[in-house]
PDB file of N, CA and C in Angstrom:
ATOM      1  N   MET A   1      94.140 108.640 109.715  1.00  0.00           N
ATOM      2  CA  MET A   1      93.577 107.606 110.532  1.00  0.00           C
ATOM      3  C   MET A   1      92.936 108.248 111.758  1.00  0.00           C
ATOM      4  N   SER A   2      91.760 107.811 112.094  1.00  0.00           N
ATOM      5  CA  SER A   2      91.131 108.312 113.317  1.00  0.00           C
ATOM      6  C   SER A   2      90.773 107.135 114.216  1.00  0.00           C
ATOM      7  N   LEU A   3      90.770 107.404 115.501  1.00  0.00           N
ATOM      8  CA  LEU A   3      90.437 106.387 116.490  1.00  0.00           C
ATOM      9  C   LEU A   3      89.177 106.800 117.223  1.00  0.00           C
ATOM     10  N   ASN A   4      88.429 105.826 117.653  1.00  0.00           N
ATOM     11  CA  ASN A   4      87.246 106.068 118.453  1.00  0.00           C
ATOM     12  C   ASN A   4      87.494 105.534 119.861  1.00  0.00           C
ATOM     13  N   VAL A   5      86.695 105.987 120.799  1.00  0.00           N
ATOM     14  CA  VAL A   5      86.809 105.509 122.167  1.00  0.00           C
ATOM     15  C   VAL A   5      86.687 103.988 122.170  1.00  0.00           C
ATOM     16  N   GLY A   6      87.631 103.335 122.827  1.00  0.00           N
ATOM     17  CA  GLY A   6      87.617 101.879 122.912  1.00  0.00           C
ATOM     18  C   GLY A   6      88.457 101.185 121.865  1.00  0.00           C
ATOM     19  N   ASP A   7      88.910 101.919 120.834  1.00  0.00           N
ATOM     20  CA  ASP A   7      89.769 101.328 119.798  1.00  0.00           C
ATOM     21  C   ASP A   7      91.156 101.065 120.361  1.00  0.00           C
ATOM     22  N   SER A   8      91.803 100.044 119.845  1.00  0.00           N
ATOM     23  CA  SER A   8      93.196  99.791 120.198  1.00  0.00           C
ATOM     24  C   SER A   8      94.080 100.786 119.468  1.00  0.00           C
ATOM     25  N   ALA A   9      95.113 101.243 120.150  1.00  0.00           N
ATOM     26  CA  ALA A   9      96.054 102.175 119.518  1.00  0.00           C
ATOM     27  C   ALA A   9      96.932 101.412 118.537  1.00  0.00           C
ATOM     28  N   PRO A  10      97.245 102.001 117.403  1.00  0.00           N
ATOM     29  CA  PRO A  10      98.163 101.353 116.467  1.00  0.00           C
ATOM     30  C   PRO A  10      99.579 101.342 117.042  1.00  0.00           C
ATOM     31  N   ASP A  11     100.368 100.359 116.676  1.00  0.00           N
ATOM     32  CA  ASP A  11     101.745 100.287 117.152  1.00  0.00           C
ATOM     33  C   ASP A  11     102.520 101.485 116.618  1.00  0.00           C
ATOM     34  N   PHE A  12     103.368 102.059 117.458  1.00  0.00           N
ATOM     35  CA  PHE A  12     104.206 103.168 117.021  1.00  0.00           C
ATOM     36  C   PHE A  12     105.523 103.141 117.764  1.00  0.00           C
ATOM     37  N   LEU A  13     106.490 103.873 117.242  1.00  0.00           N
ATOM     38  CA  LEU A  13     107.812 103.997 117.842  1.00  0.00           C
ATOM     39  C   LEU A  13     108.027 105.464 118.178  1.00  0.00           C
ATOM     40  N   LEU A  14     108.403 105.731 119.424  1.00  0.00           N
ATOM     41  CA  LEU A  14     108.672 107.084 119.878  1.00  0.00           C
ATOM     42  C   LEU A  14     110.159 107.209 120.143  1.00  0.00           C
ATOM     43  N   LYS A  15     110.828 107.988 119.319  1.00  0.00           N
ATOM     44  CA  LYS A  15     112.273 108.170 119.492  1.00  0.00           C
ATOM     45  C   LYS A  15     112.535 109.065 120.698  1.00  0.00           C
ATOM     46  N   THR A  16     113.391 108.575 121.604  1.00  0.00           N
ATOM     47  CA  THR A  16     113.730 109.335 122.804  1.00  0.00           C
ATOM     48  C   THR A  16     115.202 109.708 122.845  1.00  0.00           C
ATOM     49  N   GLY A  17     115.952 109.333 121.825  1.00  0.00           N
ATOM     50  CA  GLY A  17     117.385 109.623 121.766  1.00  0.00           C
ATOM     51  C   GLY A  17     117.876 109.470 120.343  1.00  0.00           C
ATOM     52  N   PHE A  18     119.155 109.215 120.208  1.00  0.00           N
ATOM     53  CA  PHE A  18     119.765 109.159 118.884  1.00  0.00           C
ATOM     54  C   PHE A  18     119.823 107.755 118.296  1.00  0.00           C
ATOM     55  N   THR A  19     119.629 106.719 119.116  1.00  0.00           N
ATOM     56  CA  THR A  19     119.734 105.351 118.615  1.00  0.00           C
ATOM     57  C   THR A  19     118.395 104.641 118.705  1.00  0.00           C
ATOM     58  N   GLU A  20     118.271 103.537 117.995  1.00  0.00           N
ATOM     59  CA  GLU A  20     117.043 102.745 118.010  1.00  0.00           C
ATOM     60  C   GLU A  20     116.767 102.187 119.410  1.00  0.00           C
ATOM     61  N   GLU A  21     117.823 101.940 120.174  1.00  0.00           N
ATOM     62  CA  GLU A  21     117.656 101.426 121.529  1.00  0.00           C
ATOM     63  C   GLU A  21     117.057 102.480 122.468  1.00  0.00           C
ATOM     64  N   ASP A  22     117.173 103.737 122.084  1.00  0.00           N
ATOM     65  CA  ASP A  22     116.624 104.832 122.885  1.00  0.00           C
ATOM     66  C   ASP A  22     115.215 105.181 122.420  1.00  0.00           C
ATOM     67  N   ALA A  23     114.406 104.174 122.199  1.00  0.00           N
ATOM     68  CA  ALA A  23     113.062 104.406 121.698  1.00  0.00           C
ATOM     69  C   ALA A  23     112.053 103.625 122.535  1.00  0.00           C
ATOM     70  N   ILE A  24     110.838 104.129 122.542  1.00  0.00           N
ATOM     71  CA  ILE A  24     109.732 103.442 123.193  1.00  0.00           C
ATOM     72  C   ILE A  24     108.838 102.898 122.086  1.00  0.00           C
ATOM     73  N   VAL A  25     108.556 101.611 122.152  1.00  0.00           N
ATOM     74  CA  VAL A  25     107.692 100.975 121.162  1.00  0.00           C
ATOM     75  C   VAL A  25     106.428 100.534 121.887  1.00  0.00           C
ATOM     76  N   LEU A  26     105.283 100.937 121.403  1.00  0.00           N
ATOM     77  CA  LEU A  26     104.027 100.624 122.061  1.00  0.00           C
ATOM     78  C   LEU A  26     103.854  99.129 122.259  1.00  0.00           C
ATOM     79  N   ASN A  27     104.285  98.337 121.316  1.00  0.00           N
ATOM     80  CA  ASN A  27     104.121  96.888 121.390  1.00  0.00           C
ATOM     81  C   ASN A  27     104.865  96.271 122.589  1.00  0.00           C
ATOM     82  N   ASP A  28     105.879  96.970 123.121  1.00  0.00           N
ATOM     83  CA  ASP A  28     106.603  96.489 124.301  1.00  0.00           C
ATOM     84  C   ASP A  28     105.704  96.447 125.540  1.00  0.00           C
ATOM     85  N   TYR A  29     104.589  97.155 125.501  1.00  0.00           N
ATOM     86  CA  TYR A  29     103.689  97.246 126.640  1.00  0.00           C
ATOM     87  C   TYR A  29     102.417  96.423 126.434  1.00  0.00           C
ATOM     88  N   LYS A  30     102.453  95.498 125.497  1.00  0.00           N
ATOM     89  CA  LYS A  30     101.289  94.654 125.218  1.00  0.00           C
ATOM     90  C   LYS A  30     100.897  93.885 126.479  1.00  0.00           C
ATOM     91  N   ASP A  31      99.626  93.777 126.737  1.00  0.00           N
ATOM     92  CA  ASP A  31      99.042  93.090 127.899  1.00  0.00           C
ATOM     93  C   ASP A  31      99.365  93.792 129.218  1.00  0.00           C
ATOM     94  N   LYS A  32      99.735  95.077 129.161  1.00  0.00           N
ATOM     95  CA  LYS A  32      99.949  95.880 130.359  1.00  0.00           C
ATOM     96  C   LYS A  32      99.050  97.099 130.271  1.00  0.00           C
ATOM     97  N   THR A  33      98.733  97.673 131.411  1.00  0.00           N
ATOM     98  CA  THR A  33      97.945  98.897 131.420  1.00  0.00           C
ATOM     99  C   THR A  33      98.857 100.068 131.105  1.00  0.00           C
ATOM    100  N   LEU A  34      98.447 100.887 130.161  1.00  0.00           N
ATOM    101  CA  LEU A  34      99.255 102.019 129.730  1.00  0.00           C
ATOM    102  C   LEU A  34      98.337 103.202 129.470  1.00  0.00           C
ATOM    103  N   VAL A  35      98.707 104.356 129.956  1.00  0.00           N
ATOM    104  CA  VAL A  35      97.947 105.571 129.718  1.00  0.00           C
ATOM    105  C   VAL A  35      98.759 106.462 128.799  1.00  0.00           C
ATOM    106  N   LEU A  36      98.177 106.842 127.681  1.00  0.00           N
ATOM    107  CA  LEU A  36      98.819 107.766 126.744  1.00  0.00           C
ATOM    108  C   LEU A  36      98.194 109.138 126.926  1.00  0.00           C
ATOM    109  N   ALA A  37      99.005 110.151 127.086  1.00  0.00           N
ATOM    110  CA  ALA A  37      98.511 111.512 127.238  1.00  0.00           C
ATOM    111  C   ALA A  37      99.243 112.413 126.252  1.00  0.00           C
ATOM    112  N   PHE A  38      98.495 113.249 125.583  1.00  0.00           N
ATOM    113  CA  PHE A  38      99.072 114.181 124.614  1.00  0.00           C
ATOM    114  C   PHE A  38      98.719 115.597 125.048  1.00  0.00           C
ATOM    115  N   PHE A  39      99.702 116.473 124.999  1.00  0.00           N
ATOM    116  CA  PHE A  39      99.505 117.860 125.384  1.00  0.00           C
ATOM    117  C   PHE A  39      99.897 118.735 124.190  1.00  0.00           C
ATOM    118  N   PRO A  40      99.000 118.886 123.221  1.00  0.00           N
ATOM    119  CA  PRO A  40      99.373 119.589 121.992  1.00  0.00           C
ATOM    120  C   PRO A  40      99.749 121.059 122.188  1.00  0.00           C
ATOM    121  N   LEU A  41      99.283 121.685 123.241  1.00  0.00           N
ATOM    122  CA  LEU A  41      99.617 123.101 123.446  1.00  0.00           C
ATOM    123  C   LEU A  41     100.719 123.311 124.472  1.00  0.00           C
ATOM    124  N   ALA A  42     101.261 122.229 124.992  1.00  0.00           N
ATOM    125  CA  ALA A  42     102.332 122.357 125.983  1.00  0.00           C
ATOM    126  C   ALA A  42     103.553 123.033 125.359  1.00  0.00           C
ATOM    127  N   PHE A  43     104.082 123.990 126.056  1.00  0.00           N
ATOM    128  CA  PHE A  43     105.303 124.705 125.647  1.00  0.00           C
ATOM    129  C   PHE A  43     105.144 125.480 124.340  1.00  0.00           C
ATOM    130  N   THR A  44     103.906 125.825 123.966  1.00  0.00           N
ATOM    131  CA  THR A  44     103.717 126.595 122.738  1.00  0.00           C
ATOM    132  C   THR A  44     103.419 128.064 123.020  1.00  0.00           C
ATOM    133  N   GLY A  45     103.235 128.385 124.293  1.00  0.00           N
ATOM    134  CA  GLY A  45     102.939 129.773 124.645  1.00  0.00           C
ATOM    135  C   GLY A  45     101.517 130.184 124.344  1.00  0.00           C
ATOM    136  N   GLY A  46     100.670 129.206 123.950  1.00  0.00           N
ATOM    137  CA  GLY A  46      99.301 129.564 123.597  1.00  0.00           C
ATOM    138  C   GLY A  46      98.269 129.145 124.505  1.00  0.00           C
TER     139      GLY A  46
END
């Protein structure tokens, strides 16, 4: 799947711990401003 500038992000779940309650779900932020940032080379030594 690819996204273009201006496309809505698909709903996803980001596990932050061992339980389902320790997760971030994109849909929880519906109708709010949210900035997503990805750092693919962070902590890779490259």
